[in-house]
Amino acid sequence: MTLKLHHLFVCTSVGAPEAEDLLDAGLVEGSPNTHPGQGTANRRFFFESGFLELLWVHDESEAQSTLTAPGKLWDRWVERGRSANPFGICLSSREGAEPVLPFPSLAYRPDYLQDDHYFIFADKLRLSEPEIFVLSWPQVQSSPATEPRNHPLGLREMRSVSVGLVDPTSISDTLRAIRDAGLVSVHRSPKPELVIEFTSQQEVRHSVPALGVSLLGRQDNVS
């Protein structure tokens, strides 16, 4: 089983006004979505592979329910910009997740997924670290063909992500195992940050301070 990036999320203000910075940079917005029973909604930007999700809580009661507790979404959202890391990293594979992953995990089964589908959350991550989870079901393509995937900015396929932390030498055993498995990189940053690398039609280096995200495009020489 080979795990790869499926999508990334960033906790934002209600309605994700921060998305305007992505639109101004030359990204085209896809369809929004809500998560019944989880209390969250989003705005999304799709690429040829992978997508970026801007996530917020729209129903505080659902977001704080016993069902959603394993994902710590309420804590991560309400404490963004303070004690919590606002990011989430989702991984998937063509075969579906194996019973044994290279890190401790727990299952999260939200109401909006089919009965045989669930998320596998990395266990014992600190709230100051990003949420990391895996889709249990096989996933060939993370970006539906019905969504806009061509962007004036030129970004094509989401390839890798590096997590910026204040002290990358002092991380949880879980994050260390994920890093050592080559699933994410970790770098030093004065505040939480995601550096996302894409294949691209042109060289791109674009920072979005409102989201704590940097977009790097490496030219792939594909016409």
N, C-alpha and C. Protein backbone atom coordinates (compact mmCIF):
# COMPACT_ATOMS: atom_id res chain seq x y z
N MET A 1 0.84 -1.20 0.00
CA MET A 1 0.00 0.00 0.00
C MET A 1 0.87 1.25 0.00
N THR A 2 0.61 2.14 -0.94
CA THR A 2 1.31 3.41 -1.01
C THR A 2 0.36 4.54 -0.67
N LEU A 3 0.66 5.27 0.38
CA LEU A 3 -0.16 6.40 0.76
C LEU A 3 0.31 7.66 0.04
N LYS A 4 -0.64 8.48 -0.38
CA LYS A 4 -0.30 9.75 -1.01
C LYS A 4 -1.27 10.82 -0.53
N LEU A 5 -0.93 12.06 -0.81
CA LEU A 5 -1.79 13.16 -0.41
C LEU A 5 -3.14 13.08 -1.11
N HIS A 6 -4.20 13.16 -0.33
CA HIS A 6 -5.55 13.22 -0.89
C HIS A 6 -6.06 14.66 -0.87
N HIS A 7 -5.98 15.29 0.30
CA HIS A 7 -6.30 16.72 0.39
C HIS A 7 -5.75 17.29 1.69
N LEU A 8 -5.78 18.60 1.78
CA LEU A 8 -5.34 19.33 2.97
C LEU A 8 -6.47 20.24 3.42
N PHE A 9 -6.60 20.44 4.73
CA PHE A 9 -7.57 21.44 5.17
C PHE A 9 -6.91 22.48 6.06
N VAL A 10 -7.52 23.66 6.06
CA VAL A 10 -7.11 24.78 6.91
C VAL A 10 -8.35 25.29 7.62
N CYS A 11 -8.30 25.39 8.94
CA CYS A 11 -9.42 25.97 9.69
C CYS A 11 -9.42 27.48 9.48
N THR A 12 -10.58 28.02 9.13
CA THR A 12 -10.69 29.44 8.78
C THR A 12 -11.81 30.11 9.56
N SER A 13 -11.97 31.40 9.32
CA SER A 13 -13.12 32.13 9.83
C SER A 13 -14.39 31.60 9.17
N VAL A 14 -15.54 31.84 9.78
CA VAL A 14 -16.82 31.41 9.21
C VAL A 14 -16.98 31.98 7.81
N GLY A 15 -17.30 31.11 6.85
CA GLY A 15 -17.46 31.53 5.47
C GLY A 15 -16.17 31.60 4.69
N ALA A 16 -15.04 31.43 5.35
CA ALA A 16 -13.71 31.43 4.72
C ALA A 16 -13.47 32.63 3.82
N PRO A 17 -13.56 33.85 4.38
CA PRO A 17 -13.21 35.02 3.55
C PRO A 17 -11.76 34.99 3.09
N GLU A 18 -10.92 34.19 3.76
CA GLU A 18 -9.51 34.04 3.37
C GLU A 18 -9.37 33.48 1.96
N ALA A 19 -10.45 32.87 1.45
CA ALA A 19 -10.40 32.30 0.09
C ALA A 19 -10.16 33.38 -0.96
N GLU A 20 -10.51 34.61 -0.65
CA GLU A 20 -10.32 35.69 -1.62
C GLU A 20 -8.85 35.84 -2.00
N ASP A 21 -7.95 35.57 -1.06
CA ASP A 21 -6.52 35.65 -1.36
C ASP A 21 -6.12 34.60 -2.40
N LEU A 22 -6.73 33.42 -2.34
CA LEU A 22 -6.45 32.38 -3.32
C LEU A 22 -7.02 32.73 -4.69
N LEU A 23 -8.21 33.31 -4.68
CA LEU A 23 -8.82 33.75 -5.94
C LEU A 23 -7.98 34.84 -6.60
N ASP A 24 -7.52 35.79 -5.78
CA ASP A 24 -6.70 36.88 -6.31
C ASP A 24 -5.37 36.35 -6.87
N ALA A 25 -4.89 35.24 -6.29
CA ALA A 25 -3.60 34.69 -6.74
C ALA A 25 -3.71 33.94 -8.06
N GLY A 26 -4.95 33.61 -8.48
CA GLY A 26 -5.12 32.90 -9.74
C GLY A 26 -5.59 31.47 -9.60
N LEU A 27 -6.24 31.14 -8.48
CA LEU A 27 -6.88 29.83 -8.34
C LEU A 27 -8.37 29.96 -8.64
N VAL A 28 -8.95 28.88 -9.15
CA VAL A 28 -10.38 28.84 -9.48
C VAL A 28 -11.08 27.98 -8.43
N GLU A 29 -12.13 28.52 -7.84
CA GLU A 29 -12.81 27.82 -6.75
C GLU A 29 -13.75 26.74 -7.27
N GLY A 30 -13.78 25.60 -6.55
CA GLY A 30 -14.69 24.52 -6.87
C GLY A 30 -15.96 24.61 -6.04
N SER A 31 -16.66 23.50 -5.94
CA SER A 31 -17.93 23.48 -5.22
C SER A 31 -17.69 23.44 -3.72
N PRO A 32 -18.58 24.06 -2.92
CA PRO A 32 -18.50 23.95 -1.46
C PRO A 32 -19.16 22.66 -0.99
N ASN A 33 -19.06 22.40 0.30
CA ASN A 33 -19.62 21.17 0.85
C ASN A 33 -19.93 21.39 2.32
N THR A 34 -20.86 20.59 2.85
CA THR A 34 -21.12 20.57 4.29
C THR A 34 -21.01 19.14 4.78
N HIS A 35 -20.84 18.97 6.10
CA HIS A 35 -20.66 17.65 6.70
C HIS A 35 -21.74 17.44 7.76
N PRO A 36 -22.91 16.90 7.36
CA PRO A 36 -24.01 16.70 8.30
C PRO A 36 -23.59 15.84 9.49
N GLY A 37 -23.92 16.31 10.68
CA GLY A 37 -23.58 15.59 11.90
C GLY A 37 -22.22 15.97 12.47
N GLN A 38 -21.37 16.55 11.64
CA GLN A 38 -20.04 16.96 12.08
C GLN A 38 -20.00 18.46 12.38
N GLY A 39 -20.95 19.20 11.78
CA GLY A 39 -21.06 20.62 12.08
C GLY A 39 -20.09 21.51 11.34
N THR A 40 -19.50 21.02 10.26
CA THR A 40 -18.53 21.81 9.52
C THR A 40 -18.97 22.03 8.07
N ALA A 41 -18.45 23.09 7.47
CA ALA A 41 -18.70 23.41 6.07
C ALA A 41 -17.38 23.88 5.46
N ASN A 42 -17.34 23.96 4.14
CA ASN A 42 -16.06 24.32 3.52
C ASN A 42 -16.22 25.05 2.20
N ARG A 43 -15.10 25.59 1.75
CA ARG A 43 -14.88 26.02 0.38
C ARG A 43 -13.68 25.23 -0.12
N ARG A 44 -13.67 24.88 -1.42
CA ARG A 44 -12.64 23.96 -1.90
C ARG A 44 -12.01 24.43 -3.21
N PHE A 45 -10.70 24.12 -3.32
CA PHE A 45 -9.94 24.40 -4.53
C PHE A 45 -9.31 23.09 -4.99
N PHE A 46 -9.71 22.62 -6.17
CA PHE A 46 -9.28 21.32 -6.68
C PHE A 46 -8.13 21.47 -7.67
N PHE A 47 -7.28 20.44 -7.69
CA PHE A 47 -6.17 20.39 -8.63
C PHE A 47 -6.26 19.08 -9.40
N GLU A 48 -5.35 18.85 -10.32
CA GLU A 48 -5.38 17.59 -11.07
C GLU A 48 -5.23 16.40 -10.13
N SER A 49 -4.54 16.62 -9.05
CA SER A 49 -4.46 15.63 -7.97
C SER A 49 -4.44 16.40 -6.66
N GLY A 50 -5.38 16.07 -5.77
CA GLY A 50 -5.45 16.73 -4.48
C GLY A 50 -6.33 17.97 -4.49
N PHE A 51 -6.76 18.39 -3.31
CA PHE A 51 -7.50 19.64 -3.20
C PHE A 51 -7.24 20.28 -1.84
N LEU A 52 -7.47 21.59 -1.80
CA LEU A 52 -7.29 22.39 -0.59
C LEU A 52 -8.66 22.78 -0.08
N GLU A 53 -8.92 22.46 1.18
CA GLU A 53 -10.22 22.68 1.81
C GLU A 53 -10.09 23.75 2.88
N LEU A 54 -10.91 24.80 2.78
CA LEU A 54 -10.99 25.83 3.81
C LEU A 54 -12.20 25.50 4.68
N LEU A 55 -11.97 25.18 5.95
CA LEU A 55 -12.96 24.53 6.81
C LEU A 55 -13.33 25.41 7.99
N TRP A 56 -14.63 25.46 8.31
CA TRP A 56 -15.08 26.19 9.50
C TRP A 56 -16.26 25.47 10.13
N VAL A 57 -16.55 25.82 11.37
CA VAL A 57 -17.68 25.25 12.11
C VAL A 57 -18.91 26.11 11.86
N HIS A 58 -20.00 25.46 11.43
CA HIS A 58 -21.26 26.19 11.25
C HIS A 58 -22.34 25.74 12.23
N ASP A 59 -22.10 24.61 12.92
CA ASP A 59 -23.03 24.13 13.94
C ASP A 59 -22.20 23.71 15.15
N GLU A 60 -22.15 24.57 16.16
CA GLU A 60 -21.28 24.33 17.31
C GLU A 60 -21.69 23.09 18.10
N SER A 61 -22.99 22.82 18.17
CA SER A 61 -23.46 21.65 18.91
C SER A 61 -22.97 20.36 18.25
N GLU A 62 -23.12 20.24 16.94
CA GLU A 62 -22.65 19.05 16.24
C GLU A 62 -21.13 18.92 16.34
N ALA A 63 -20.45 20.03 16.21
CA ALA A 63 -18.98 20.00 16.22
C ALA A 63 -18.42 19.57 17.57
N GLN A 64 -19.21 19.74 18.65
CA GLN A 64 -18.75 19.38 19.99
C GLN A 64 -19.35 18.07 20.48
N SER A 65 -20.02 17.33 19.60
CA SER A 65 -20.68 16.09 20.01
C SER A 65 -19.67 14.99 20.30
N THR A 66 -20.14 13.95 20.96
CA THR A 66 -19.31 12.79 21.26
C THR A 66 -18.81 12.13 19.98
N LEU A 67 -19.66 12.13 18.94
CA LEU A 67 -19.29 11.50 17.67
C LEU A 67 -18.05 12.14 17.07
N THR A 68 -17.99 13.47 17.10
CA THR A 68 -16.90 14.16 16.42
C THR A 68 -15.65 14.32 17.29
N ALA A 69 -15.74 13.96 18.54
CA ALA A 69 -14.63 14.18 19.48
C ALA A 69 -13.29 13.61 19.02
N PRO A 70 -13.23 12.40 18.41
CA PRO A 70 -11.92 11.84 18.04
C PRO A 70 -11.12 12.74 17.10
N GLY A 71 -11.81 13.51 16.25
CA GLY A 71 -11.11 14.34 15.30
C GLY A 71 -10.65 15.68 15.85
N LYS A 72 -11.11 16.03 17.04
CA LYS A 72 -10.73 17.30 17.70
C LYS A 72 -10.98 18.51 16.81
N LEU A 73 -11.99 18.41 15.94
CA LEU A 73 -12.23 19.51 15.00
C LEU A 73 -12.66 20.79 15.71
N TRP A 74 -13.51 20.65 16.73
CA TRP A 74 -13.94 21.84 17.46
C TRP A 74 -12.75 22.51 18.13
N ASP A 75 -11.93 21.73 18.83
CA ASP A 75 -10.76 22.29 19.52
C ASP A 75 -9.82 22.96 18.52
N ARG A 76 -9.62 22.31 17.40
CA ARG A 76 -8.69 22.83 16.41
C ARG A 76 -9.22 24.14 15.79
N TRP A 77 -10.54 24.18 15.58
CA TRP A 77 -11.12 25.37 14.97
C TRP A 77 -11.20 26.54 15.95
N VAL A 78 -11.71 26.27 17.15
CA VAL A 78 -11.94 27.37 18.09
C VAL A 78 -10.62 27.93 18.63
N GLU A 79 -9.55 27.13 18.65
CA GLU A 79 -8.26 27.56 19.17
C GLU A 79 -7.26 27.91 18.07
N ARG A 80 -7.73 27.98 16.82
CA ARG A 80 -6.83 28.35 15.72
C ARG A 80 -6.26 29.74 16.00
N GLY A 81 -5.01 29.91 15.67
CA GLY A 81 -4.36 31.18 15.92
C GLY A 81 -3.88 31.35 17.35
N ARG A 82 -4.21 30.36 18.20
CA ARG A 82 -3.75 30.41 19.59
C ARG A 82 -2.98 29.12 19.89
N SER A 83 -3.62 28.19 20.58
CA SER A 83 -2.89 26.98 20.99
C SER A 83 -2.97 25.85 19.98
N ALA A 84 -3.88 25.94 19.02
CA ALA A 84 -4.10 24.81 18.11
C ALA A 84 -3.50 25.04 16.74
N ASN A 85 -3.01 23.96 16.15
CA ASN A 85 -2.56 23.98 14.77
C ASN A 85 -3.82 23.92 13.88
N PRO A 86 -3.97 24.80 12.89
CA PRO A 86 -5.22 24.86 12.12
C PRO A 86 -5.29 23.92 10.93
N PHE A 87 -4.28 23.06 10.76
CA PHE A 87 -4.17 22.28 9.53
C PHE A 87 -4.55 20.82 9.71
N GLY A 88 -4.97 20.24 8.59
CA GLY A 88 -5.23 18.81 8.54
C GLY A 88 -4.67 18.24 7.25
N ILE A 89 -4.15 17.02 7.32
CA ILE A 89 -3.53 16.36 6.17
C ILE A 89 -4.22 15.01 5.98
N CYS A 90 -4.84 14.83 4.82
CA CYS A 90 -5.53 13.58 4.52
C CYS A 90 -4.74 12.78 3.50
N LEU A 91 -4.56 11.49 3.77
CA LEU A 91 -3.84 10.57 2.90
C LEU A 91 -4.79 9.49 2.39
N SER A 92 -4.47 8.91 1.26
CA SER A 92 -5.28 7.82 0.72
C SER A 92 -4.39 6.90 -0.10
N SER A 93 -4.98 5.77 -0.52
CA SER A 93 -4.26 4.84 -1.39
C SER A 93 -5.23 4.22 -2.38
N ARG A 94 -4.68 3.70 -3.46
CA ARG A 94 -5.51 3.03 -4.46
C ARG A 94 -6.15 1.76 -3.92
N GLU A 95 -5.50 1.12 -2.96
CA GLU A 95 -5.96 -0.17 -2.46
C GLU A 95 -6.86 -0.05 -1.24
N GLY A 96 -6.91 1.13 -0.62
CA GLY A 96 -7.57 1.26 0.67
C GLY A 96 -6.56 1.03 1.77
N ALA A 97 -6.83 1.58 2.94
CA ALA A 97 -5.86 1.52 4.03
C ALA A 97 -5.71 0.10 4.57
N GLU A 98 -4.48 -0.25 4.91
CA GLU A 98 -4.21 -1.54 5.53
C GLU A 98 -4.57 -1.48 7.02
N PRO A 99 -4.87 -2.65 7.63
CA PRO A 99 -5.21 -2.67 9.05
C PRO A 99 -4.11 -2.09 9.94
N VAL A 100 -2.86 -2.25 9.53
CA VAL A 100 -1.75 -1.76 10.34
C VAL A 100 -1.05 -0.64 9.58
N LEU A 101 -1.07 0.56 10.16
CA LEU A 101 -0.41 1.72 9.57
C LEU A 101 0.88 2.01 10.33
N PRO A 102 1.78 2.80 9.77
CA PRO A 102 3.06 3.06 10.44
C PRO A 102 2.97 4.07 11.57
N PHE A 103 1.79 4.19 12.19
CA PHE A 103 1.60 5.10 13.32
C PHE A 103 0.35 4.65 14.08
N PRO A 104 0.25 4.97 15.38
CA PRO A 104 -0.94 4.59 16.15
C PRO A 104 -2.16 5.32 15.61
N SER A 105 -3.33 4.66 15.62
CA SER A 105 -4.49 5.24 14.98
C SER A 105 -5.79 4.84 15.67
N LEU A 106 -6.85 5.56 15.31
CA LEU A 106 -8.20 5.24 15.78
C LEU A 106 -9.18 5.56 14.67
N ALA A 107 -10.33 4.88 14.68
CA ALA A 107 -11.32 5.05 13.63
C ALA A 107 -12.32 6.14 13.98
N TYR A 108 -12.70 6.91 12.98
CA TYR A 108 -13.73 7.94 13.13
C TYR A 108 -14.77 7.68 12.03
N ARG A 109 -16.03 7.49 12.46
CA ARG A 109 -17.09 7.11 11.53
C ARG A 109 -18.20 8.16 11.53
N PRO A 110 -18.03 9.24 10.80
CA PRO A 110 -19.06 10.28 10.76
C PRO A 110 -20.30 9.82 10.01
N ASP A 111 -21.44 10.43 10.32
CA ASP A 111 -22.71 10.03 9.73
C ASP A 111 -22.77 10.25 8.22
N TYR A 112 -22.00 11.20 7.70
CA TYR A 112 -22.13 11.53 6.29
C TYR A 112 -21.39 10.58 5.36
N LEU A 113 -20.62 9.64 5.90
CA LEU A 113 -19.95 8.64 5.07
C LEU A 113 -20.80 7.38 4.94
N GLN A 114 -20.58 6.64 3.86
CA GLN A 114 -21.23 5.34 3.70
C GLN A 114 -20.84 4.41 4.84
N ASP A 115 -21.66 3.41 5.10
CA ASP A 115 -21.45 2.53 6.26
C ASP A 115 -20.08 1.87 6.28
N ASP A 116 -19.56 1.51 5.10
CA ASP A 116 -18.28 0.80 5.04
C ASP A 116 -17.09 1.74 4.88
N HIS A 117 -17.34 3.04 4.97
CA HIS A 117 -16.27 4.02 4.86
C HIS A 117 -16.04 4.71 6.20
N TYR A 118 -14.79 4.97 6.50
CA TYR A 118 -14.47 5.70 7.73
C TYR A 118 -13.09 6.33 7.58
N PHE A 119 -12.80 7.25 8.49
CA PHE A 119 -11.48 7.87 8.53
C PHE A 119 -10.63 7.20 9.60
N ILE A 120 -9.35 7.08 9.33
CA ILE A 120 -8.41 6.54 10.31
C ILE A 120 -7.53 7.69 10.77
N PHE A 121 -7.76 8.16 11.98
CA PHE A 121 -7.04 9.32 12.51
C PHE A 121 -5.77 8.87 13.21
N ALA A 122 -4.69 9.58 12.96
CA ALA A 122 -3.46 9.35 13.72
C ALA A 122 -3.72 9.69 15.18
N ASP A 123 -3.39 8.77 16.07
CA ASP A 123 -3.67 8.94 17.50
C ASP A 123 -2.46 9.58 18.21
N LYS A 124 -2.76 10.29 19.27
CA LYS A 124 -1.76 10.87 20.18
C LYS A 124 -0.93 11.98 19.52
N LEU A 125 -1.52 12.64 18.51
CA LEU A 125 -0.91 13.87 18.01
C LEU A 125 -1.23 15.00 18.98
N ARG A 126 -0.34 15.93 19.12
CA ARG A 126 -0.60 17.10 19.95
C ARG A 126 -1.49 18.08 19.19
N LEU A 127 -2.25 18.89 19.92
CA LEU A 127 -3.10 19.88 19.28
C LEU A 127 -2.26 20.94 18.56
N SER A 128 -1.01 21.09 18.96
CA SER A 128 -0.10 22.02 18.30
C SER A 128 0.47 21.46 16.99
N GLU A 129 0.12 20.21 16.68
CA GLU A 129 0.53 19.56 15.44
C GLU A 129 -0.68 19.41 14.53
N PRO A 130 -0.48 19.27 13.23
CA PRO A 130 -1.64 19.13 12.33
C PRO A 130 -2.35 17.81 12.53
N GLU A 131 -3.65 17.79 12.25
CA GLU A 131 -4.40 16.54 12.23
C GLU A 131 -3.97 15.76 11.00
N ILE A 132 -3.78 14.45 11.15
CA ILE A 132 -3.39 13.61 10.03
C ILE A 132 -4.28 12.38 10.02
N PHE A 133 -4.88 12.09 8.88
CA PHE A 133 -5.82 10.97 8.81
C PHE A 133 -5.79 10.33 7.43
N VAL A 134 -6.31 9.11 7.37
CA VAL A 134 -6.26 8.30 6.16
C VAL A 134 -7.67 7.84 5.80
N LEU A 135 -8.00 7.83 4.52
CA LEU A 135 -9.27 7.26 4.08
C LEU A 135 -9.18 5.75 4.13
N SER A 136 -10.22 5.10 4.64
CA SER A 136 -10.19 3.64 4.75
C SER A 136 -10.46 2.95 3.42
N TRP A 137 -11.08 3.65 2.48
CA TRP A 137 -11.53 3.03 1.24
C TRP A 137 -10.59 3.36 0.08
N PRO A 138 -10.57 2.53 -0.97
CA PRO A 138 -9.69 2.80 -2.12
C PRO A 138 -10.05 4.12 -2.77
N GLN A 139 -9.05 4.86 -3.19
CA GLN A 139 -9.26 6.18 -3.79
C GLN A 139 -8.26 6.35 -4.93
N VAL A 140 -8.80 6.38 -6.14
CA VAL A 140 -7.93 6.54 -7.31
C VAL A 140 -7.72 8.01 -7.62
N GLN A 141 -8.80 8.81 -7.58
CA GLN A 141 -8.74 10.21 -7.96
C GLN A 141 -9.42 11.06 -6.89
N SER A 142 -8.69 12.03 -6.34
CA SER A 142 -9.25 12.86 -5.27
C SER A 142 -10.02 14.06 -5.79
N SER A 143 -9.82 14.39 -7.06
CA SER A 143 -10.47 15.56 -7.64
C SER A 143 -11.41 15.15 -8.76
N PRO A 144 -12.71 15.23 -8.55
CA PRO A 144 -13.66 14.83 -9.60
C PRO A 144 -13.48 15.64 -10.87
N ALA A 145 -13.73 15.00 -12.00
CA ALA A 145 -13.58 15.68 -13.30
C ALA A 145 -14.58 16.81 -13.46
N THR A 146 -15.65 16.79 -12.67
CA THR A 146 -16.66 17.85 -12.75
C THR A 146 -16.21 19.14 -12.08
N GLU A 147 -15.13 19.09 -11.31
CA GLU A 147 -14.64 20.27 -10.62
C GLU A 147 -13.60 21.01 -11.47
N PRO A 148 -13.50 22.33 -11.34
CA PRO A 148 -12.46 23.08 -12.07
C PRO A 148 -11.08 22.73 -11.53
N ARG A 149 -10.19 22.32 -12.43
CA ARG A 149 -8.86 21.89 -12.00
C ARG A 149 -7.74 22.62 -12.74
N ASN A 150 -8.09 23.50 -13.65
CA ASN A 150 -7.10 24.30 -14.37
C ASN A 150 -7.10 25.72 -13.80
N HIS A 151 -5.93 26.20 -13.43
CA HIS A 151 -5.82 27.48 -12.75
C HIS A 151 -4.85 28.40 -13.48
N PRO A 152 -5.22 29.68 -13.61
CA PRO A 152 -4.28 30.64 -14.21
C PRO A 152 -2.92 30.67 -13.52
N LEU A 153 -2.90 30.35 -12.21
CA LEU A 153 -1.62 30.33 -11.50
C LEU A 153 -0.71 29.22 -12.00
N GLY A 154 -1.30 28.19 -12.62
CA GLY A 154 -0.49 27.14 -13.24
C GLY A 154 -0.30 25.88 -12.44
N LEU A 155 -0.77 25.83 -11.18
CA LEU A 155 -0.56 24.65 -10.34
C LEU A 155 -1.37 23.46 -10.87
N ARG A 156 -0.74 22.27 -10.85
CA ARG A 156 -1.38 21.09 -11.45
C ARG A 156 -1.65 19.99 -10.42
N GLU A 157 -0.61 19.30 -9.95
CA GLU A 157 -0.80 18.16 -9.05
C GLU A 157 -0.16 18.45 -7.69
N MET A 158 -0.91 18.21 -6.63
CA MET A 158 -0.40 18.36 -5.27
C MET A 158 0.51 17.16 -4.99
N ARG A 159 1.79 17.42 -4.73
CA ARG A 159 2.76 16.34 -4.61
C ARG A 159 3.25 16.07 -3.19
N SER A 160 3.51 17.12 -2.42
CA SER A 160 4.06 16.91 -1.08
C SER A 160 3.72 18.08 -0.19
N VAL A 161 3.89 17.87 1.11
CA VAL A 161 3.60 18.93 2.08
C VAL A 161 4.64 18.90 3.18
N SER A 162 5.05 20.09 3.61
CA SER A 162 5.95 20.22 4.74
C SER A 162 5.24 21.03 5.82
N VAL A 163 5.34 20.54 7.04
CA VAL A 163 4.66 21.15 8.18
C VAL A 163 5.64 22.05 8.92
N GLY A 164 5.30 23.32 9.06
CA GLY A 164 6.14 24.24 9.80
C GLY A 164 5.73 24.31 11.25
N LEU A 165 6.68 24.05 12.15
CA LEU A 165 6.44 24.09 13.59
C LEU A 165 7.54 24.91 14.26
N VAL A 166 7.21 25.46 15.43
CA VAL A 166 8.17 26.30 16.14
C VAL A 166 9.42 25.51 16.49
N ASP A 167 9.24 24.27 16.96
CA ASP A 167 10.39 23.44 17.32
C ASP A 167 10.24 22.05 16.70
N PRO A 168 10.74 21.84 15.50
CA PRO A 168 10.57 20.55 14.83
C PRO A 168 11.38 19.42 15.46
N THR A 169 12.24 19.75 16.42
CA THR A 169 12.99 18.69 17.11
C THR A 169 12.20 18.11 18.28
N SER A 170 11.13 18.79 18.67
CA SER A 170 10.31 18.34 19.80
C SER A 170 8.90 18.06 19.31
N ILE A 171 8.70 16.89 18.73
CA ILE A 171 7.40 16.52 18.18
C ILE A 171 6.95 15.21 18.82
N SER A 172 5.67 14.91 18.68
CA SER A 172 5.13 13.68 19.26
C SER A 172 5.71 12.46 18.56
N ASP A 173 5.65 11.33 19.24
CA ASP A 173 6.12 10.08 18.63
C ASP A 173 5.31 9.76 17.38
N THR A 174 4.02 10.11 17.40
CA THR A 174 3.17 9.83 16.24
C THR A 174 3.62 10.64 15.03
N LEU A 175 3.81 11.94 15.21
CA LEU A 175 4.26 12.76 14.08
C LEU A 175 5.64 12.34 13.61
N ARG A 176 6.50 11.94 14.53
CA ARG A 176 7.84 11.47 14.15
C ARG A 176 7.72 10.22 13.28
N ALA A 177 6.82 9.30 13.64
CA ALA A 177 6.64 8.09 12.85
C ALA A 177 6.11 8.40 11.46
N ILE A 178 5.20 9.37 11.37
CA ILE A 178 4.65 9.76 10.07
C ILE A 178 5.72 10.42 9.22
N ARG A 179 6.52 11.27 9.84
CA ARG A 179 7.63 11.91 9.12
C ARG A 179 8.64 10.87 8.66
N ASP A 180 9.01 9.95 9.54
CA ASP A 180 10.02 8.95 9.21
C ASP A 180 9.54 7.98 8.13
N ALA A 181 8.21 7.85 8.00
CA ALA A 181 7.65 7.01 6.93
C ALA A 181 7.62 7.74 5.60
N GLY A 182 8.07 9.00 5.60
CA GLY A 182 8.14 9.77 4.37
C GLY A 182 6.81 10.34 3.91
N LEU A 183 5.82 10.41 4.81
CA LEU A 183 4.49 10.88 4.42
C LEU A 183 4.37 12.40 4.48
N VAL A 184 5.11 13.03 5.38
CA VAL A 184 5.17 14.49 5.45
C VAL A 184 6.60 14.88 5.81
N SER A 185 6.94 16.14 5.57
CA SER A 185 8.19 16.70 6.07
C SER A 185 7.85 17.68 7.19
N VAL A 186 8.85 17.98 8.00
CA VAL A 186 8.67 18.94 9.10
C VAL A 186 9.81 19.94 9.04
N HIS A 187 9.49 21.22 9.15
CA HIS A 187 10.53 22.25 9.12
C HIS A 187 10.26 23.28 10.20
N ARG A 188 11.26 24.09 10.49
CA ARG A 188 11.14 25.12 11.52
C ARG A 188 10.43 26.36 10.96
N SER A 189 9.49 26.87 11.73
CA SER A 189 8.74 28.06 11.33
C SER A 189 8.33 28.80 12.60
N PRO A 190 8.31 30.14 12.57
CA PRO A 190 7.94 30.89 13.77
C PRO A 190 6.48 30.71 14.18
N LYS A 191 5.64 30.23 13.26
CA LYS A 191 4.24 29.92 13.57
C LYS A 191 3.79 28.79 12.65
N PRO A 192 2.66 28.15 12.97
CA PRO A 192 2.21 27.02 12.14
C PRO A 192 2.12 27.38 10.67
N GLU A 193 2.57 26.47 9.83
CA GLU A 193 2.66 26.74 8.40
C GLU A 193 2.57 25.43 7.62
N LEU A 194 1.97 25.51 6.44
CA LEU A 194 2.03 24.41 5.48
C LEU A 194 2.69 24.92 4.22
N VAL A 195 3.70 24.20 3.76
CA VAL A 195 4.31 24.49 2.47
C VAL A 195 3.91 23.35 1.55
N ILE A 196 3.12 23.68 0.52
CA ILE A 196 2.56 22.67 -0.38
C ILE A 196 3.27 22.75 -1.71
N GLU A 197 3.81 21.62 -2.16
CA GLU A 197 4.52 21.60 -3.43
C GLU A 197 3.66 20.93 -4.51
N PHE A 198 3.63 21.55 -5.68
CA PHE A 198 2.85 21.08 -6.81
C PHE A 198 3.75 20.92 -8.04
N THR A 199 3.32 20.06 -8.96
CA THR A 199 3.81 20.21 -10.32
C THR A 199 3.09 21.41 -10.90
N SER A 200 3.70 22.07 -11.87
CA SER A 200 3.14 23.34 -12.33
C SER A 200 3.54 23.65 -13.76
N GLN A 201 2.73 24.46 -14.41
CA GLN A 201 3.04 24.91 -15.76
C GLN A 201 4.15 25.96 -15.74
N GLN A 202 4.40 26.53 -14.56
CA GLN A 202 5.42 27.56 -14.41
C GLN A 202 5.93 27.54 -12.97
N GLU A 203 7.07 28.15 -12.75
CA GLU A 203 7.59 28.23 -11.40
C GLU A 203 6.71 29.17 -10.57
N VAL A 204 6.30 28.69 -9.39
CA VAL A 204 5.41 29.47 -8.52
C VAL A 204 5.95 29.47 -7.10
N ARG A 205 6.00 30.62 -6.49
CA ARG A 205 6.27 30.77 -5.07
C ARG A 205 5.30 31.82 -4.55
N HIS A 206 4.24 31.36 -3.91
CA HIS A 206 3.21 32.29 -3.47
C HIS A 206 2.82 32.00 -2.03
N SER A 207 2.89 33.02 -1.20
CA SER A 207 2.54 32.89 0.22
C SER A 207 1.16 33.50 0.47
N VAL A 208 0.38 32.80 1.30
CA VAL A 208 -0.95 33.29 1.70
C VAL A 208 -0.94 33.42 3.21
N PRO A 209 -0.46 34.55 3.74
CA PRO A 209 -0.33 34.71 5.20
C PRO A 209 -1.63 34.51 5.97
N ALA A 210 -2.76 34.88 5.39
CA ALA A 210 -4.03 34.73 6.09
C ALA A 210 -4.36 33.28 6.39
N LEU A 211 -3.81 32.38 5.60
CA LEU A 211 -4.04 30.94 5.80
C LEU A 211 -2.84 30.23 6.41
N GLY A 212 -1.67 30.88 6.43
CA GLY A 212 -0.46 30.21 6.89
C GLY A 212 0.02 29.18 5.89
N VAL A 213 -0.25 29.41 4.62
CA VAL A 213 0.05 28.45 3.56
C VAL A 213 0.97 29.08 2.52
N SER A 214 1.95 28.30 2.06
CA SER A 214 2.79 28.71 0.93
C SER A 214 2.62 27.69 -0.18
N LEU A 215 2.45 28.18 -1.40
CA LEU A 215 2.26 27.34 -2.58
C LEU A 215 3.52 27.39 -3.42
N LEU A 216 4.11 26.22 -3.67
CA LEU A 216 5.32 26.12 -4.49
C LEU A 216 5.02 25.30 -5.73
N GLY A 217 5.24 25.88 -6.90
CA GLY A 217 5.04 25.15 -8.14
C GLY A 217 6.36 24.85 -8.81
N ARG A 218 6.59 23.57 -9.11
CA ARG A 218 7.79 23.14 -9.81
C ARG A 218 7.42 22.80 -11.25
N GLN A 219 8.06 23.46 -12.21
CA GLN A 219 7.67 23.28 -13.60
C GLN A 219 7.83 21.83 -14.02
N ASP A 220 6.76 21.26 -14.61
CA ASP A 220 6.79 19.84 -14.96
C ASP A 220 7.01 19.59 -16.44
N ASN A 221 7.18 20.64 -17.22
CA ASN A 221 7.48 20.53 -18.66
C ASN A 221 6.41 19.77 -19.43
N VAL A 222 5.17 19.85 -18.91
CA VAL A 222 4.04 19.24 -19.63
C VAL A 222 3.31 20.34 -20.36
N SER A 223 3.15 20.20 -21.65
CA SER A 223 2.50 21.25 -22.44
C SER A 223 1.00 21.18 -22.32
